[in-house]
């Protein structure tokens, strides 16, 4: 059950990474329901910080999914 949840998180974050890399613009959620879009050329710091954070979240989700599949509680 939890492995499926972490797999869904990893797919979501990997999709955000792929979409941000291919479009050279990444979407970031703000407080509440606001969404910001950072362009790689015009706002490189915010783009790369968001990209790295999404990559970290995807990696943690993949590791947790595999860990729950291999060593169930």
Foldseek 3Di string as FASTA:
>chain_A
DVLVVLVVLLVVLVVQLVVCVVVQWGWDQDPDGDIDIDHCVPHVVVSVVVNVVSVVSNVVSVVVSVCCVVPPD
